[in-house]
């Protein structure tokens, strides 16, 4: 997860993140079992990038949630598209 990279230098941050997930303070609505085929199609589409599994899941989540706002340090998201042709809105400018 991107958050593990962003939070890696903050003592206790990952533990707090996991505690919040366990307490259902916030939830991840993505269900891979229901999205496996679209994720597979995304991996095929971006095989030359190459998109990794996490990237493909994030692209599919954007489709499902109807938003291209993304917090990432991955410059490949400049190339990726959600809902076929929509650009992602990188919440951390990579310039």
C-alpha atoms as a PDB file:
ATOM      1  CA  UNK A   1       0.000   0.000   0.000  1.00  0.00           C
ATOM      2  CA  UNK A   2       1.156   3.511  -0.743  1.00  0.00           C
ATOM      3  CA  UNK A   3       0.426   4.535   2.826  1.00  0.00           C
ATOM      4  CA  UNK A   4       3.175   2.235   4.089  1.00  0.00           C
ATOM      5  CA  UNK A   5       5.691   4.181   1.987  1.00  0.00           C
ATOM      6  CA  UNK A   6       4.302   7.556   3.017  1.00  0.00           C
ATOM      7  CA  UNK A   7       4.184   6.644   6.714  1.00  0.00           C
ATOM      8  CA  UNK A   8       7.351   4.530   6.999  1.00  0.00           C
ATOM      9  CA  UNK A   9       9.367   7.153   8.902  1.00  0.00           C
ATOM     10  CA  UNK A  10       6.683   7.949  11.460  1.00  0.00           C
ATOM     11  CA  UNK A  11       7.040   5.703  14.524  1.00  0.00           C
ATOM     12  CA  UNK A  12       3.861   3.721  15.178  1.00  0.00           C
ATOM     13  CA  UNK A  13       2.054   4.994  12.083  1.00  0.00           C
ATOM     14  CA  UNK A  14       1.548   1.612  10.399  1.00  0.00           C
ATOM     15  CA  UNK A  15       0.355   0.073  13.670  1.00  0.00           C
ATOM     16  CA  UNK A  16      -2.147   2.925  14.056  1.00  0.00           C
ATOM     17  CA  UNK A  17      -3.308   2.452  10.467  1.00  0.00           C
ATOM     18  CA  UNK A  18      -3.898  -1.256  11.061  1.00  0.00           C
ATOM     19  CA  UNK A  19      -5.687  -0.554  14.353  1.00  0.00           C
ATOM     20  CA  UNK A  20      -8.018   1.869  12.548  1.00  0.00           C
ATOM     21  CA  UNK A  21      -8.740  -0.718   9.869  1.00  0.00           C
ATOM     22  CA  UNK A  22      -9.472  -3.339  12.531  1.00  0.00           C
ATOM     23  CA  UNK A  23     -11.788  -0.926  14.367  1.00  0.00           C
ATOM     24  CA  UNK A  24     -13.476  -0.119  11.033  1.00  0.00           C
ATOM     25  CA  UNK A  25     -12.729   3.578  11.528  1.00  0.00           C
ATOM     26  CA  UNK A  26     -12.393   3.619   7.779  1.00  0.00           C
ATOM     27  CA  UNK A  27     -13.078   0.884   5.334  1.00  0.00           C
ATOM     28  CA  UNK A  28     -11.808  -0.313   2.003  1.00  0.00           C
ATOM     29  CA  UNK A  29     -14.896  -1.160  -0.058  1.00  0.00           C
ATOM     30  CA  UNK A  30     -12.893  -3.010  -2.714  1.00  0.00           C
ATOM     31  CA  UNK A  31     -13.583  -6.742  -3.004  1.00  0.00           C
ATOM     32  CA  UNK A  32     -11.023  -8.501  -5.150  1.00  0.00           C
ATOM     33  CA  UNK A  33     -13.230 -11.576  -5.454  1.00  0.00           C
ATOM     34  CA  UNK A  34     -15.772  -9.413  -7.297  1.00  0.00           C
ATOM     35  CA  UNK A  35     -13.188  -7.517  -9.355  1.00  0.00           C
ATOM     36  CA  UNK A  36     -10.683 -10.200 -10.343  1.00  0.00           C
ATOM     37  CA  UNK A  37     -11.596 -10.212 -14.042  1.00  0.00           C
ATOM     38  CA  UNK A  38     -11.443  -6.430 -14.512  1.00  0.00           C
ATOM     39  CA  UNK A  39      -8.114  -6.376 -12.634  1.00  0.00           C
ATOM     40  CA  UNK A  40      -6.813  -9.100 -14.931  1.00  0.00           C
ATOM     41  CA  UNK A  41      -7.889  -7.056 -17.965  1.00  0.00           C
ATOM     42  CA  UNK A  42      -6.083  -3.991 -16.593  1.00  0.00           C
ATOM     43  CA  UNK A  43      -2.900  -6.024 -16.084  1.00  0.00           C
ATOM     44  CA  UNK A  44      -3.100  -7.143 -19.712  1.00  0.00           C
ATOM     45  CA  UNK A  45      -3.796  -3.614 -20.940  1.00  0.00           C
ATOM     46  CA  UNK A  46      -0.759  -2.186 -19.165  1.00  0.00           C
ATOM     47  CA  UNK A  47       1.563  -5.184 -19.580  1.00  0.00           C
ATOM     48  CA  UNK A  48       4.143  -2.999 -21.328  1.00  0.00           C
ATOM     49  CA  UNK A  49       4.258  -0.403 -18.500  1.00  0.00           C
ATOM     50  CA  UNK A  50       4.277  -2.822 -16.546  1.00  0.00           C
ATOM     51  CA  UNK A  51       1.464  -2.215 -14.109  1.00  0.00           C
ATOM     52  CA  UNK A  52       1.796  -4.270 -10.979  1.00  0.00           C
ATOM     53  CA  UNK A  53      -1.055  -5.957  -9.159  1.00  0.00           C
ATOM     54  CA  UNK A  54      -1.510  -3.089  -6.672  1.00  0.00           C
ATOM     55  CA  UNK A  55      -1.670  -0.540  -9.513  1.00  0.00           C
ATOM     56  CA  UNK A  56      -4.295  -2.592 -11.319  1.00  0.00           C
ATOM     57  CA  UNK A  57      -6.391  -2.818  -8.149  1.00  0.00           C
ATOM     58  CA  UNK A  58      -6.200   0.956  -7.669  1.00  0.00           C
ATOM     59  CA  UNK A  59      -7.245   1.560 -11.274  1.00  0.00           C
ATOM     60  CA  UNK A  60     -10.213  -0.773 -10.809  1.00  0.00           C
ATOM     61  CA  UNK A  61     -11.141   0.930  -7.522  1.00  0.00           C
ATOM     62  CA  UNK A  62     -11.187   4.281  -9.326  1.00  0.00           C
ATOM     63  CA  UNK A  63     -13.625   2.790 -11.841  1.00  0.00           C
ATOM     64  CA  UNK A  64     -15.832   1.333  -9.115  1.00  0.00           C
ATOM     65  CA  UNK A  65     -15.794   4.417  -6.884  1.00  0.00           C
ATOM     66  CA  UNK A  66     -16.116   6.904  -9.717  1.00  0.00           C
ATOM     67  CA  UNK A  67     -13.099   9.018  -8.839  1.00  0.00           C
ATOM     68  CA  UNK A  68      -9.640   9.517 -10.231  1.00  0.00           C
ATOM     69  CA  UNK A  69      -8.302  11.337  -7.168  1.00  0.00           C
ATOM     70  CA  UNK A  70      -5.317   9.312  -6.011  1.00  0.00           C
ATOM     71  CA  UNK A  71      -2.629   9.669  -3.368  1.00  0.00           C
ATOM     72  CA  UNK A  72       0.413   8.023  -4.901  1.00  0.00           C
ATOM     73  CA  UNK A  73       4.114   8.468  -5.508  1.00  0.00           C
ATOM     74  CA  UNK A  74       3.965   6.219  -8.572  1.00  0.00           C
ATOM     75  CA  UNK A  75       4.616   8.222 -11.741  1.00  0.00           C
ATOM     76  CA  UNK A  76       2.977   5.480 -13.843  1.00  0.00           C
ATOM     77  CA  UNK A  77      -0.374   6.915 -12.798  1.00  0.00           C
ATOM     78  CA  UNK A  78       0.315   9.722 -15.253  1.00  0.00           C
ATOM     79  CA  UNK A  79      -0.074   7.090 -17.986  1.00  0.00           C
ATOM     80  CA  UNK A  80      -2.839   4.975 -16.492  1.00  0.00           C
ATOM     81  CA  UNK A  81      -6.460   5.806 -17.234  1.00  0.00           C
ATOM     82  CA  UNK A  82      -9.595   4.984 -15.319  1.00  0.00           C
ATOM     83  CA  UNK A  83     -12.932   4.455 -17.053  1.00  0.00           C
ATOM     84  CA  UNK A  84     -10.926   3.891 -20.238  1.00  0.00           C
ATOM     85  CA  UNK A  85      -9.796   7.449 -20.944  1.00  0.00           C
ATOM     86  CA  UNK A  86      -9.935   9.561 -17.783  1.00  0.00           C
ATOM     87  CA  UNK A  87      -6.682  10.841 -16.312  1.00  0.00           C
ATOM     88  CA  UNK A  88      -5.925  10.416 -12.640  1.00  0.00           C
ATOM     89  CA  UNK A  89      -5.766  13.485 -10.419  1.00  0.00           C
ATOM     90  CA  UNK A  90      -2.479  13.017  -8.548  1.00  0.00           C
ATOM     91  CA  UNK A  91      -3.007  14.488  -5.075  1.00  0.00           C
ATOM     92  CA  UNK A  92       0.774  14.692  -4.589  1.00  0.00           C
ATOM     93  CA  UNK A  93       2.268  16.512  -7.579  1.00  0.00           C
ATOM     94  CA  UNK A  94       5.226  14.523  -8.895  1.00  0.00           C
ATOM     95  CA  UNK A  95       6.903  17.463 -10.614  1.00  0.00           C
END
